[in-house]
């Protein structure tokens, strides 16, 4: 991205929407960069060159399950118009 990198975008998204699931799929094979991604709240950091289709599917399934749990808890909290 010309005006910010993925870490900056991830940081902004997590600040504004903390429940957002962020997965980095990056060309940077740099431990420091990956560590920063996890520090801002990314759920996964996958390196493109070492990337396996099965791993990505597994990550999506895990995060889908997490999102379902979050949605269920959210709707249970506000069920019956208790806003």
Protein backbone atom coordinates (compact mmCIF):
# COMPACT_ATOMS: atom_id res chain seq x y z
CA UNK A 1 0.00 0.00 0.00
CA UNK A 2 1.45 3.34 -0.94
CA UNK A 3 0.43 5.32 2.18
CA UNK A 4 0.67 2.70 4.96
CA UNK A 5 1.83 -0.85 5.51
CA UNK A 6 -0.23 -3.81 6.64
CA UNK A 7 0.87 -3.44 10.24
CA UNK A 8 -0.42 0.12 10.39
CA UNK A 9 -3.71 -0.87 8.76
CA UNK A 10 -4.07 -3.79 11.17
CA UNK A 11 -3.40 -1.53 14.14
CA UNK A 12 -6.07 0.96 13.01
CA UNK A 13 -8.63 -1.77 12.33
CA UNK A 14 -8.04 -3.37 15.75
CA UNK A 15 -8.38 0.01 17.47
CA UNK A 16 -11.68 0.79 15.77
CA UNK A 17 -13.10 -2.75 15.56
CA UNK A 18 -11.36 -4.84 18.25
CA UNK A 19 -13.30 -8.03 17.49
CA UNK A 20 -12.09 -8.11 13.89
CA UNK A 21 -10.08 -11.21 12.97
CA UNK A 22 -6.87 -10.29 11.13
CA UNK A 23 -4.79 -12.81 9.20
CA UNK A 24 -1.53 -11.64 7.62
CA UNK A 25 -0.48 -13.36 4.42
CA UNK A 26 2.87 -11.79 3.74
CA UNK A 27 5.93 -12.00 1.55
CA UNK A 28 8.13 -10.88 4.45
CA UNK A 29 9.99 -13.78 6.03
CA UNK A 30 10.95 -11.58 8.95
CA UNK A 31 10.42 -12.68 12.54
CA UNK A 32 10.31 -9.08 13.81
CA UNK A 33 7.53 -8.18 11.36
CA UNK A 34 5.55 -11.31 12.28
CA UNK A 35 6.02 -10.56 15.97
CA UNK A 36 4.67 -7.03 15.45
CA UNK A 37 1.66 -8.44 13.58
CA UNK A 38 0.82 -10.74 16.49
CA UNK A 39 1.43 -7.88 18.94
CA UNK A 40 -1.24 -5.72 17.27
CA UNK A 41 -3.72 -8.59 17.53
CA UNK A 42 -3.43 -10.60 14.32
CA UNK A 43 -4.67 -14.14 14.83
CA UNK A 44 -2.21 -15.59 12.29
CA UNK A 45 0.84 -14.65 10.26
CA UNK A 46 1.38 -16.83 7.19
CA UNK A 47 4.41 -16.55 4.95
CA UNK A 48 3.50 -16.78 1.25
CA UNK A 49 6.51 -18.87 0.18
CA UNK A 50 5.96 -21.50 2.87
CA UNK A 51 2.20 -21.29 2.66
CA UNK A 52 0.14 -24.47 2.35
CA UNK A 53 -3.49 -24.54 1.22
CA UNK A 54 -4.41 -26.91 4.08
CA UNK A 55 -3.01 -24.46 6.65
CA UNK A 56 -5.05 -21.57 5.24
CA UNK A 57 -8.23 -23.67 5.27
CA UNK A 58 -7.50 -24.67 8.86
CA UNK A 59 -6.98 -21.03 9.88
CA UNK A 60 -10.24 -19.99 8.21
CA UNK A 61 -12.15 -22.78 9.95
CA UNK A 62 -10.73 -21.83 13.36
CA UNK A 63 -11.51 -18.16 12.84
CA UNK A 64 -14.99 -18.95 11.51
CA UNK A 65 -15.68 -20.91 14.71
CA UNK A 66 -14.37 -17.99 16.79
CA UNK A 67 -16.62 -15.55 14.91
CA UNK A 68 -19.65 -17.78 15.49
CA UNK A 69 -18.95 -17.88 19.22
CA UNK A 70 -18.56 -14.10 19.32
CA UNK A 71 -21.80 -13.57 17.39
CA UNK A 72 -23.70 -16.00 19.62
CA UNK A 73 -22.47 -14.21 22.74
CA UNK A 74 -23.33 -10.83 21.28
CA UNK A 75 -26.87 -11.81 20.34
CA UNK A 76 -27.43 -13.61 23.64
CA UNK A 77 -26.43 -10.43 25.47
CA UNK A 78 -28.99 -8.33 23.61
CA UNK A 79 -31.74 -10.97 23.30
CA UNK A 80 -35.15 -9.75 24.33
CA UNK A 81 -34.38 -6.11 23.67
CA UNK A 82 -32.09 -5.63 26.66
CA UNK A 83 -29.97 -2.90 25.13
